[in-house]
Every structure is written in structure tokens, then in C-alpha cells.
């Protein structure tokens, strides 16, 4: 897994932006696929999730991941749920030690949040719909409800499709600029007439900074171009492959000793 230098300095917090390596899945899903929505073997996916939990130092069953629907909705997690039975939401937050919260991605932006002093952590799935729809701001507000201070929150964006690989159509551009003319700075011309390249990572970081977090960091890792380490929905689509795996990014508060 990949760790953020910033999050790694925070006491009592374990985290990881996991790559596609280190699991038991095979074929298109090689090897750490955590997506129960894929056509991978269920037992393999659950074993992969168990390995993630262990890597974060929590019990095998203590990794809580929502059923993601590209929404701004956030769930406060008190107890883990059975695999695949999570609530429909795109962010999870907790103040409970020994419980990991995580999200699955394959081009969208995984954001891990932590306030070491306020003892609260969170994970958000921010595709373009979630990012423009307010999932980032909703996650921060939910953490404040658990005792976090906005100015103490560190937020780190993990592997996400980069602007070099994210071409969008004119309707997409119009929607963003229609909301705020300043959003034009996140687009540049595409080689294809009428299209543009969208900088989702920069847009996410801007939303984090405007929300007032203490620190926002982008690991600047592209899921589309780094096939050895990351799954990518768009890469799979361009190759006309039948399915794709999902990456996981997760964070936990260590239990007091």
C-alpha cells in the first residue's frame, strides 16, 4: 500500500492507499480487488478485504465500506457491517478506535481525512458527481459532529485519474462552468474537437481548501496510466474489457493501549 507522508506523521492513525497488488484475485482482477460489485469470486474479494483490515491493524471484520452511489451522503460508523451490506453512501467517518473506514475506487478520487487531536477519521469517494455535489464538505461536517476541528483536519487525495487521461464532452464542461465560471480553469482543450481534458484532482483539492481543512495533499498518482499498480474503469472501457477491479483506500484510529 501507499502511505501519505503527512498522514503518517499523525499519532494513533493507520492508513493506506492500497494498490492492486497483494491479494488473491486472478485474471482481470489480479490481485487485490475489493469490489463486491465486480464479477470476481466473492470469496476472493472478502479475503482481499480481510488482508486490508489486517494491514491496518484492525480485526478481520472491522473494515466498513459503503455501497457507493456517487452521492454526497455520509455515514457515521459505530459498528462494522457484513461485507456487501453497507448503507448507500459515498463517505464514511468514525471516532471509534479499532474500526477502519474505507472506499473503493477505479479512477474516482479516494480522500482520507484525519484529525489526530479530535480523534476522528473519514474516507470519501469523490468522482465528479460527488465532488461537485458536496461529498467533501459533507464529510468534513460529519467529522466535526464527532469532535473534529475543521482547521485540524488533514485530507489526502490518493490515486485518481489525471487530467492527461480524462477527456469529457461539452455538456460536462457546461455543467461545471454553469455552477461557477471559475471552474473553467480545470479544463484545457482536448485533441478532439468540442471536448476538453478535466483536472479532477485539482478540482478536489480546490474544494478541500475552500472547505477550510488544515491541510490538503494530492499524491499525484494516475490510475489510468499506471496499470501495474492501479485498476481503471476508463482504461477498461477503452480496451473493451468485460470488467475491472476496485482499489481500496482506508483509515483507522488505533486502539488505546
C-alpha atoms as a PDB file:
ATOM      1  CA  UNK A   1       0.000   0.000   0.000  1.00  0.00           C
ATOM      2  CA  UNK A   2       0.964   3.617  -0.456  1.00  0.00           C
ATOM      3  CA  UNK A   3       1.130   5.920   2.536  1.00  0.00           C
ATOM      4  CA  UNK A   4       0.942   9.680   2.724  1.00  0.00           C
ATOM      5  CA  UNK A   5       3.890  11.303   4.454  1.00  0.00           C
ATOM      6  CA  UNK A   6       1.528  13.826   6.021  1.00  0.00           C
ATOM      7  CA  UNK A   7      -0.889  11.257   7.446  1.00  0.00           C
ATOM      8  CA  UNK A   8       1.994   9.059   8.564  1.00  0.00           C
ATOM      9  CA  UNK A   9       3.189  11.756  10.958  1.00  0.00           C
ATOM     10  CA  UNK A  10      -0.146  11.807  12.829  1.00  0.00           C
ATOM     11  CA  UNK A  11      -0.108   9.787  16.064  1.00  0.00           C
ATOM     12  CA  UNK A  12      -2.573   6.969  16.581  1.00  0.00           C
ATOM     13  CA  UNK A  13      -3.730   6.738  12.974  1.00  0.00           C
ATOM     14  CA  UNK A  14      -3.175   3.933  10.460  1.00  0.00           C
ATOM     15  CA  UNK A  15      -3.958   4.400   6.789  1.00  0.00           C
ATOM     16  CA  UNK A  16      -3.246   3.078   3.339  1.00  0.00           C
ATOM     17  CA  UNK A  17      -3.996   3.760  -0.313  1.00  0.00           C
ATOM     18  CA  UNK A  18      -3.845   0.159  -1.441  1.00  0.00           C
ATOM     19  CA  UNK A  19      -2.638  -0.828  -4.891  1.00  0.00           C
ATOM     20  CA  UNK A  20      -3.836  -3.809  -6.928  1.00  0.00           C
ATOM     21  CA  UNK A  21      -1.009  -5.952  -5.501  1.00  0.00           C
ATOM     22  CA  UNK A  22      -1.075  -8.312  -2.540  1.00  0.00           C
ATOM     23  CA  UNK A  23      -4.371 -10.138  -2.971  1.00  0.00           C
ATOM     24  CA  UNK A  24      -5.688 -13.480  -4.177  1.00  0.00           C
ATOM     25  CA  UNK A  25      -7.833 -12.497  -7.181  1.00  0.00           C
ATOM     26  CA  UNK A  26      -6.880 -13.654 -10.657  1.00  0.00           C
ATOM     27  CA  UNK A  27      -7.245 -12.610 -14.278  1.00  0.00           C
ATOM     28  CA  UNK A  28      -8.625  -9.118 -14.862  1.00  0.00           C
ATOM     29  CA  UNK A  29      -8.814  -8.684 -11.091  1.00  0.00           C
ATOM     30  CA  UNK A  30      -5.207  -9.512 -10.253  1.00  0.00           C
ATOM     31  CA  UNK A  31      -4.813  -9.332  -7.397  1.00  0.00           C
ATOM     32  CA  UNK A  32      -6.139  -7.105  -4.562  1.00  0.00           C
ATOM     33  CA  UNK A  33      -9.637  -6.454  -5.874  1.00  0.00           C
ATOM     34  CA  UNK A  34     -12.051  -5.323  -3.129  1.00  0.00           C
ATOM     35  CA  UNK A  35     -15.063  -4.734  -5.368  1.00  0.00           C
ATOM     36  CA  UNK A  36     -18.052  -6.888  -4.482  1.00  0.00           C
ATOM     37  CA  UNK A  37     -19.782  -5.200  -7.414  1.00  0.00           C
ATOM     38  CA  UNK A  38     -17.325  -6.823  -9.815  1.00  0.00           C
ATOM     39  CA  UNK A  39     -17.743 -10.322 -11.262  1.00  0.00           C
ATOM     40  CA  UNK A  40     -14.775 -11.574  -9.270  1.00  0.00           C
ATOM     41  CA  UNK A  41     -15.193 -14.537  -6.924  1.00  0.00           C
ATOM     42  CA  UNK A  42     -16.875 -13.339  -3.730  1.00  0.00           C
ATOM     43  CA  UNK A  43     -14.575 -15.404  -1.511  1.00  0.00           C
ATOM     44  CA  UNK A  44     -11.535 -13.828  -3.157  1.00  0.00           C
ATOM     45  CA  UNK A  45     -12.870 -10.300  -2.635  1.00  0.00           C
ATOM     46  CA  UNK A  46     -13.637 -10.988   1.026  1.00  0.00           C
ATOM     47  CA  UNK A  47     -10.161 -12.440   1.552  1.00  0.00           C
ATOM     48  CA  UNK A  48      -8.712  -9.315  -0.042  1.00  0.00           C
ATOM     49  CA  UNK A  49     -10.747  -7.095   2.285  1.00  0.00           C
ATOM     50  CA  UNK A  50      -9.548  -9.166   5.229  1.00  0.00           C
ATOM     51  CA  UNK A  51      -5.948  -8.562   4.187  1.00  0.00           C
ATOM     52  CA  UNK A  52      -6.612  -4.825   4.070  1.00  0.00           C
ATOM     53  CA  UNK A  53      -8.064  -4.887   7.592  1.00  0.00           C
ATOM     54  CA  UNK A  54      -5.053  -6.773   8.913  1.00  0.00           C
ATOM     55  CA  UNK A  55      -2.631  -4.381   7.213  1.00  0.00           C
ATOM     56  CA  UNK A  56      -4.317  -1.534   9.107  1.00  0.00           C
ATOM     57  CA  UNK A  57      -4.110  -3.387  12.412  1.00  0.00           C
ATOM     58  CA  UNK A  58      -7.839  -3.952  12.926  1.00  0.00           C
ATOM     59  CA  UNK A  59      -9.896  -7.128  13.298  1.00  0.00           C
ATOM     60  CA  UNK A  60     -10.693  -9.051  10.127  1.00  0.00           C
ATOM     61  CA  UNK A  61     -14.336  -7.921  10.133  1.00  0.00           C
ATOM     62  CA  UNK A  62     -13.641  -4.304  11.141  1.00  0.00           C
ATOM     63  CA  UNK A  63     -13.382  -2.666   7.720  1.00  0.00           C
ATOM     64  CA  UNK A  64     -16.522  -0.639   6.947  1.00  0.00           C
ATOM     65  CA  UNK A  65     -17.102   0.271   3.285  1.00  0.00           C
ATOM     66  CA  UNK A  66     -20.357   1.786   1.973  1.00  0.00           C
ATOM     67  CA  UNK A  67     -22.421   0.827  -1.055  1.00  0.00           C
ATOM     68  CA  UNK A  68     -21.284   3.691  -3.275  1.00  0.00           C
ATOM     69  CA  UNK A  69     -23.756   5.544  -5.467  1.00  0.00           C
ATOM     70  CA  UNK A  70     -21.947   8.802  -6.487  1.00  0.00           C
ATOM     71  CA  UNK A  71     -23.812  10.819  -3.866  1.00  0.00           C
ATOM     72  CA  UNK A  72     -22.895  13.474  -1.276  1.00  0.00           C
ATOM     73  CA  UNK A  73     -24.141  11.209   1.507  1.00  0.00           C
ATOM     74  CA  UNK A  74     -22.036  10.362   4.571  1.00  0.00           C
ATOM     75  CA  UNK A  75     -22.477   7.653   7.193  1.00  0.00           C
ATOM     76  CA  UNK A  76     -21.154   7.815  10.764  1.00  0.00           C
ATOM     77  CA  UNK A  77     -19.885   4.314  11.546  1.00  0.00           C
ATOM     78  CA  UNK A  78     -20.234   2.911  15.051  1.00  0.00           C
ATOM     79  CA  UNK A  79     -20.100  -0.802  14.199  1.00  0.00           C
ATOM     80  CA  UNK A  80     -18.894  -2.658  11.093  1.00  0.00           C
ATOM     81  CA  UNK A  81     -21.459  -4.343   8.868  1.00  0.00           C
ATOM     82  CA  UNK A  82     -21.277  -7.594   6.893  1.00  0.00           C
ATOM     83  CA  UNK A  83     -19.432  -7.401   3.580  1.00  0.00           C
ATOM     84  CA  UNK A  84     -21.666  -6.002   0.861  1.00  0.00           C
ATOM     85  CA  UNK A  85     -24.370  -4.821   3.266  1.00  0.00           C
ATOM     86  CA  UNK A  86     -23.173  -1.277   3.821  1.00  0.00           C
ATOM     87  CA  UNK A  87     -25.575   1.683   3.546  1.00  0.00           C
ATOM     88  CA  UNK A  88     -25.863   3.630   0.292  1.00  0.00           C
ATOM     89  CA  UNK A  89     -23.387   6.482   0.736  1.00  0.00           C
ATOM     90  CA  UNK A  90     -20.079   7.752  -0.593  1.00  0.00           C
ATOM     91  CA  UNK A  91     -18.277   8.663   2.589  1.00  0.00           C
ATOM     92  CA  UNK A  92     -17.780   7.061   5.982  1.00  0.00           C
ATOM     93  CA  UNK A  93     -16.489   8.650   9.186  1.00  0.00           C
ATOM     94  CA  UNK A  94     -15.807   7.288  12.645  1.00  0.00           C
ATOM     95  CA  UNK A  95     -14.435   8.169  16.057  1.00  0.00           C
ATOM     96  CA  UNK A  96     -14.290   4.550  17.177  1.00  0.00           C
ATOM     97  CA  UNK A  97     -10.771   3.146  17.681  1.00  0.00           C
ATOM     98  CA  UNK A  98     -10.087  -0.212  16.070  1.00  0.00           C
ATOM     99  CA  UNK A  99     -12.526   0.352  13.225  1.00  0.00           C
ATOM    100  CA  UNK A 100     -11.283   1.087   9.696  1.00  0.00           C
ATOM    101  CA  UNK A 101     -13.381   3.046   7.219  1.00  0.00           C
ATOM    102  CA  UNK A 102     -12.684   2.875   3.518  1.00  0.00           C
ATOM    103  CA  UNK A 103     -13.921   3.489  -0.013  1.00  0.00           C
ATOM    104  CA  UNK A 104     -13.434   1.682  -3.314  1.00  0.00           C
ATOM    105  CA  UNK A 105     -12.308   3.473  -6.480  1.00  0.00           C
ATOM    106  CA  UNK A 106     -11.075   2.841 -10.018  1.00  0.00           C
ATOM    107  CA  UNK A 107     -10.456   6.404 -11.332  1.00  0.00           C
ATOM    108  CA  UNK A 108     -12.588   8.486  -8.947  1.00  0.00           C
ATOM    109  CA  UNK A 109     -10.808  10.286  -6.127  1.00  0.00           C
ATOM    110  CA  UNK A 110     -10.308   8.494  -2.799  1.00  0.00           C
ATOM    111  CA  UNK A 111      -9.832  11.016   0.009  1.00  0.00           C
ATOM    112  CA  UNK A 112      -8.691  10.071   3.502  1.00  0.00           C
ATOM    113  CA  UNK A 113      -9.352  12.542   6.340  1.00  0.00           C
ATOM    114  CA  UNK A 114      -7.892  12.641   9.843  1.00  0.00           C
ATOM    115  CA  UNK A 115      -7.924  14.871  12.892  1.00  0.00           C
ATOM    116  CA  UNK A 116      -5.442  13.332  15.322  1.00  0.00           C
ATOM    117  CA  UNK A 117      -6.324  15.748  18.128  1.00  0.00           C
ATOM    118  CA  UNK A 118     -10.071  15.452  17.688  1.00  0.00           C
ATOM    119  CA  UNK A 119      -9.760  11.680  17.235  1.00  0.00           C
ATOM    120  CA  UNK A 120     -11.881  11.325  14.122  1.00  0.00           C
ATOM    121  CA  UNK A 121     -11.150   9.877  10.672  1.00  0.00           C
ATOM    122  CA  UNK A 122     -13.023   9.546   7.412  1.00  0.00           C
ATOM    123  CA  UNK A 123     -12.886   8.282   3.847  1.00  0.00           C
ATOM    124  CA  UNK A 124     -14.723   9.716   0.838  1.00  0.00           C
ATOM    125  CA  UNK A 125     -15.297   8.573  -2.744  1.00  0.00           C
ATOM    126  CA  UNK A 126     -15.187  11.705  -4.892  1.00  0.00           C
ATOM    127  CA  UNK A 127     -15.929  11.194  -8.549  1.00  0.00           C
ATOM    128  CA  UNK A 128     -17.020  14.260 -10.471  1.00  0.00           C
ATOM    129  CA  UNK A 129     -20.629  13.854  -9.304  1.00  0.00           C
ATOM    130  CA  UNK A 130     -19.666  13.570  -5.659  1.00  0.00           C
ATOM    131  CA  UNK A 131     -17.101  16.342  -5.837  1.00  0.00           C
ATOM    132  CA  UNK A 132     -19.445  18.874  -7.388  1.00  0.00           C
ATOM    133  CA  UNK A 133     -22.358  17.568  -5.346  1.00  0.00           C
ATOM    134  CA  UNK A 134     -20.746  18.216  -1.961  1.00  0.00           C
ATOM    135  CA  UNK A 135     -19.432  14.905  -0.629  1.00  0.00           C
ATOM    136  CA  UNK A 136     -16.216  16.589   0.510  1.00  0.00           C
ATOM    137  CA  UNK A 137     -17.971  19.279   2.516  1.00  0.00           C
ATOM    138  CA  UNK A 138     -20.436  16.756   3.939  1.00  0.00           C
ATOM    139  CA  UNK A 139     -17.599  14.519   5.124  1.00  0.00           C
ATOM    140  CA  UNK A 140     -15.908  17.386   6.921  1.00  0.00           C
ATOM    141  CA  UNK A 141     -19.176  18.410   8.578  1.00  0.00           C
ATOM    142  CA  UNK A 142     -19.771  14.833   9.743  1.00  0.00           C
ATOM    143  CA  UNK A 143     -16.290  14.717  11.270  1.00  0.00           C
ATOM    144  CA  UNK A 144     -16.999  17.975  13.092  1.00  0.00           C
ATOM    145  CA  UNK A 145     -20.051  16.272  14.534  1.00  0.00           C
ATOM    146  CA  UNK A 146     -17.696  13.682  16.025  1.00  0.00           C
ATOM    147  CA  UNK A 147     -15.496  16.322  17.659  1.00  0.00           C
ATOM    148  CA  UNK A 148     -13.031  17.149  14.893  1.00  0.00           C
ATOM    149  CA  UNK A 149     -11.948  20.715  14.208  1.00  0.00           C
ATOM    150  CA  UNK A 150     -12.021  21.722  10.565  1.00  0.00           C
ATOM    151  CA  UNK A 151      -8.698  23.538  10.831  1.00  0.00           C
ATOM    152  CA  UNK A 152      -7.057  20.416  12.289  1.00  0.00           C
ATOM    153  CA  UNK A 153      -8.219  18.038   9.567  1.00  0.00           C
ATOM    154  CA  UNK A 154      -5.620  16.657   7.182  1.00  0.00           C
ATOM    155  CA  UNK A 155      -7.098  15.453   3.880  1.00  0.00           C
ATOM    156  CA  UNK A 156      -5.140  13.442   1.326  1.00  0.00           C
ATOM    157  CA  UNK A 157      -6.225  12.542  -2.208  1.00  0.00           C
ATOM    158  CA  UNK A 158      -4.986   9.151  -3.386  1.00  0.00           C
ATOM    159  CA  UNK A 159      -4.748   7.520  -6.830  1.00  0.00           C
ATOM    160  CA  UNK A 160      -7.131   9.300  -9.225  1.00  0.00           C
ATOM    161  CA  UNK A 161      -7.433   9.638 -12.978  1.00  0.00           C
ATOM    162  CA  UNK A 162      -5.296  12.588 -14.115  1.00  0.00           C
ATOM    163  CA  UNK A 163      -6.161  15.441 -16.458  1.00  0.00           C
ATOM    164  CA  UNK A 164      -3.968  13.865 -19.143  1.00  0.00           C
ATOM    165  CA  UNK A 165      -6.319  10.866 -19.282  1.00  0.00           C
ATOM    166  CA  UNK A 166      -9.740  12.368 -18.514  1.00  0.00           C
ATOM    167  CA  UNK A 167     -11.459  13.627 -21.657  1.00  0.00           C
ATOM    168  CA  UNK A 168     -15.010  14.959 -21.302  1.00  0.00           C
ATOM    169  CA  UNK A 169     -17.695  16.293 -23.603  1.00  0.00           C
ATOM    170  CA  UNK A 170     -19.163  19.790 -23.951  1.00  0.00           C
ATOM    171  CA  UNK A 171     -22.181  19.082 -21.717  1.00  0.00           C
ATOM    172  CA  UNK A 172     -19.835  18.138 -18.883  1.00  0.00           C
ATOM    173  CA  UNK A 173     -17.906  21.398 -19.238  1.00  0.00           C
ATOM    174  CA  UNK A 174     -21.103  23.439 -19.408  1.00  0.00           C
ATOM    175  CA  UNK A 175     -22.397  21.889 -16.187  1.00  0.00           C
ATOM    176  CA  UNK A 176     -19.274  22.812 -14.232  1.00  0.00           C
ATOM    177  CA  UNK A 177     -18.904  26.325 -15.631  1.00  0.00           C
ATOM    178  CA  UNK A 178     -22.627  26.879 -15.225  1.00  0.00           C
ATOM    179  CA  UNK A 179     -22.214  26.359 -11.488  1.00  0.00           C
ATOM    180  CA  UNK A 180     -19.168  28.624 -11.188  1.00  0.00           C
ATOM    181  CA  UNK A 181     -17.328  30.414 -14.001  1.00  0.00           C
ATOM    182  CA  UNK A 182     -14.072  29.894 -12.081  1.00  0.00           C
ATOM    183  CA  UNK A 183     -14.353  26.166 -12.811  1.00  0.00           C
ATOM    184  CA  UNK A 184     -13.136  26.891 -16.343  1.00  0.00           C
ATOM    185  CA  UNK A 185      -9.582  26.709 -15.021  1.00  0.00           C
ATOM    186  CA  UNK A 186      -9.927  22.953 -14.507  1.00  0.00           C
ATOM    187  CA  UNK A 187     -10.373  22.323 -18.232  1.00  0.00           C
ATOM    188  CA  UNK A 188      -7.992  22.518 -21.159  1.00  0.00           C
ATOM    189  CA  UNK A 189      -8.560  21.794 -24.839  1.00  0.00           C
ATOM    190  CA  UNK A 190      -8.651  18.190 -25.953  1.00  0.00           C
ATOM    191  CA  UNK A 191      -7.165  16.988 -29.264  1.00  0.00           C
ATOM    192  CA  UNK A 192     -10.754  16.024 -30.169  1.00  0.00           C
ATOM    193  CA  UNK A 193     -12.896  18.962 -31.334  1.00  0.00           C
ATOM    194  CA  UNK A 194     -15.576  20.020 -28.867  1.00  0.00           C
ATOM    195  CA  UNK A 195     -14.051  18.079 -25.997  1.00  0.00           C
ATOM    196  CA  UNK A 196     -11.834  19.001 -23.055  1.00  0.00           C
ATOM    197  CA  UNK A 197      -9.470  17.432 -20.560  1.00  0.00           C
ATOM    198  CA  UNK A 198     -10.719  17.706 -16.974  1.00  0.00           C
ATOM    199  CA  UNK A 199      -8.410  18.007 -13.964  1.00  0.00           C
ATOM    200  CA  UNK A 200     -10.414  16.136 -11.335  1.00  0.00           C
ATOM    201  CA  UNK A 201      -7.554  16.017  -8.777  1.00  0.00           C
ATOM    202  CA  UNK A 202      -7.090  19.803  -8.902  1.00  0.00           C
ATOM    203  CA  UNK A 203     -10.853  20.312  -8.584  1.00  0.00           C
ATOM    204  CA  UNK A 204     -10.955  18.077  -5.494  1.00  0.00           C
ATOM    205  CA  UNK A 205      -8.027  19.868  -3.848  1.00  0.00           C
ATOM    206  CA  UNK A 206      -9.707  23.218  -4.523  1.00  0.00           C
ATOM    207  CA  UNK A 207     -12.890  22.017  -2.794  1.00  0.00           C
ATOM    208  CA  UNK A 208     -10.871  20.805   0.182  1.00  0.00           C
ATOM    209  CA  UNK A 209      -9.050  24.111   0.500  1.00  0.00           C
ATOM    210  CA  UNK A 210     -12.235  26.148   0.148  1.00  0.00           C
ATOM    211  CA  UNK A 211     -13.827  23.990   2.837  1.00  0.00           C
ATOM    212  CA  UNK A 212     -11.112  25.128   5.230  1.00  0.00           C
ATOM    213  CA  UNK A 213      -9.244  21.949   6.102  1.00  0.00           C
ATOM    214  CA  UNK A 214      -5.928  22.423   7.837  1.00  0.00           C
ATOM    215  CA  UNK A 215      -4.018  20.732   5.064  1.00  0.00           C
ATOM    216  CA  UNK A 216      -4.901  19.228   1.690  1.00  0.00           C
ATOM    217  CA  UNK A 217      -2.475  16.996  -0.187  1.00  0.00           C
ATOM    218  CA  UNK A 218      -2.614  15.320  -3.600  1.00  0.00           C
ATOM    219  CA  UNK A 219      -0.409  12.249  -4.023  1.00  0.00           C
ATOM    220  CA  UNK A 220      -0.492  12.904  -7.807  1.00  0.00           C
ATOM    221  CA  UNK A 221      -0.902   9.255  -8.814  1.00  0.00           C
ATOM    222  CA  UNK A 222      -2.808   8.478 -12.024  1.00  0.00           C
ATOM    223  CA  UNK A 223      -4.918   5.321 -12.073  1.00  0.00           C
ATOM    224  CA  UNK A 224      -5.263   5.296 -15.859  1.00  0.00           C
ATOM    225  CA  UNK A 225      -1.576   5.447 -16.803  1.00  0.00           C
ATOM    226  CA  UNK A 226      -0.137   3.253 -14.024  1.00  0.00           C
ATOM    227  CA  UNK A 227      -1.571  -0.121 -14.985  1.00  0.00           C
ATOM    228  CA  UNK A 228       0.889  -2.104 -12.860  1.00  0.00           C
ATOM    229  CA  UNK A 229      -0.419  -0.590  -9.631  1.00  0.00           C
ATOM    230  CA  UNK A 230      -3.964   0.590 -10.247  1.00  0.00           C
ATOM    231  CA  UNK A 231      -7.311  -0.510 -11.655  1.00  0.00           C
ATOM    232  CA  UNK A 232      -9.013   1.956 -14.009  1.00  0.00           C
ATOM    233  CA  UNK A 233     -12.610   1.980 -15.193  1.00  0.00           C
ATOM    234  CA  UNK A 234     -11.792   4.253 -18.127  1.00  0.00           C
ATOM    235  CA  UNK A 235      -8.825   2.155 -19.245  1.00  0.00           C
ATOM    236  CA  UNK A 236     -11.042  -0.929 -19.133  1.00  0.00           C
ATOM    237  CA  UNK A 237     -13.698   0.873 -21.178  1.00  0.00           C
ATOM    238  CA  UNK A 238     -11.221   1.980 -23.834  1.00  0.00           C
ATOM    239  CA  UNK A 239      -9.930  -1.589 -24.159  1.00  0.00           C
ATOM    240  CA  UNK A 240     -13.450  -3.006 -24.226  1.00  0.00           C
ATOM    241  CA  UNK A 241     -12.636  -5.410 -21.413  1.00  0.00           C
ATOM    242  CA  UNK A 242     -15.607  -7.087 -19.700  1.00  0.00           C
ATOM    243  CA  UNK A 243     -14.932  -5.899 -16.147  1.00  0.00           C
ATOM    244  CA  UNK A 244     -12.430  -4.276 -13.795  1.00  0.00           C
ATOM    245  CA  UNK A 245     -11.240  -4.450 -10.211  1.00  0.00           C
ATOM    246  CA  UNK A 246     -11.563  -1.826  -7.483  1.00  0.00           C
ATOM    247  CA  UNK A 247      -8.888  -0.302  -5.297  1.00  0.00           C
ATOM    248  CA  UNK A 248      -9.407   0.465  -1.628  1.00  0.00           C
ATOM    249  CA  UNK A 249      -8.262   3.421   0.461  1.00  0.00           C
ATOM    250  CA  UNK A 250      -8.857   3.141   4.193  1.00  0.00           C
ATOM    251  CA  UNK A 251      -8.000   4.717   7.528  1.00  0.00           C
ATOM    252  CA  UNK A 252      -8.376   3.790  11.197  1.00  0.00           C
ATOM    253  CA  UNK A 253      -7.847   5.126  14.699  1.00  0.00           C
ATOM    254  CA  UNK A 254      -5.541   2.884  16.692  1.00  0.00           C
ATOM    255  CA  UNK A 255      -6.958   1.392  19.870  1.00  0.00           C
ATOM    256  CA  UNK A 256      -5.573   2.755  23.127  1.00  0.00           C
ATOM    257  CA  UNK A 257      -3.071   0.524  24.849  1.00  0.00           C
END
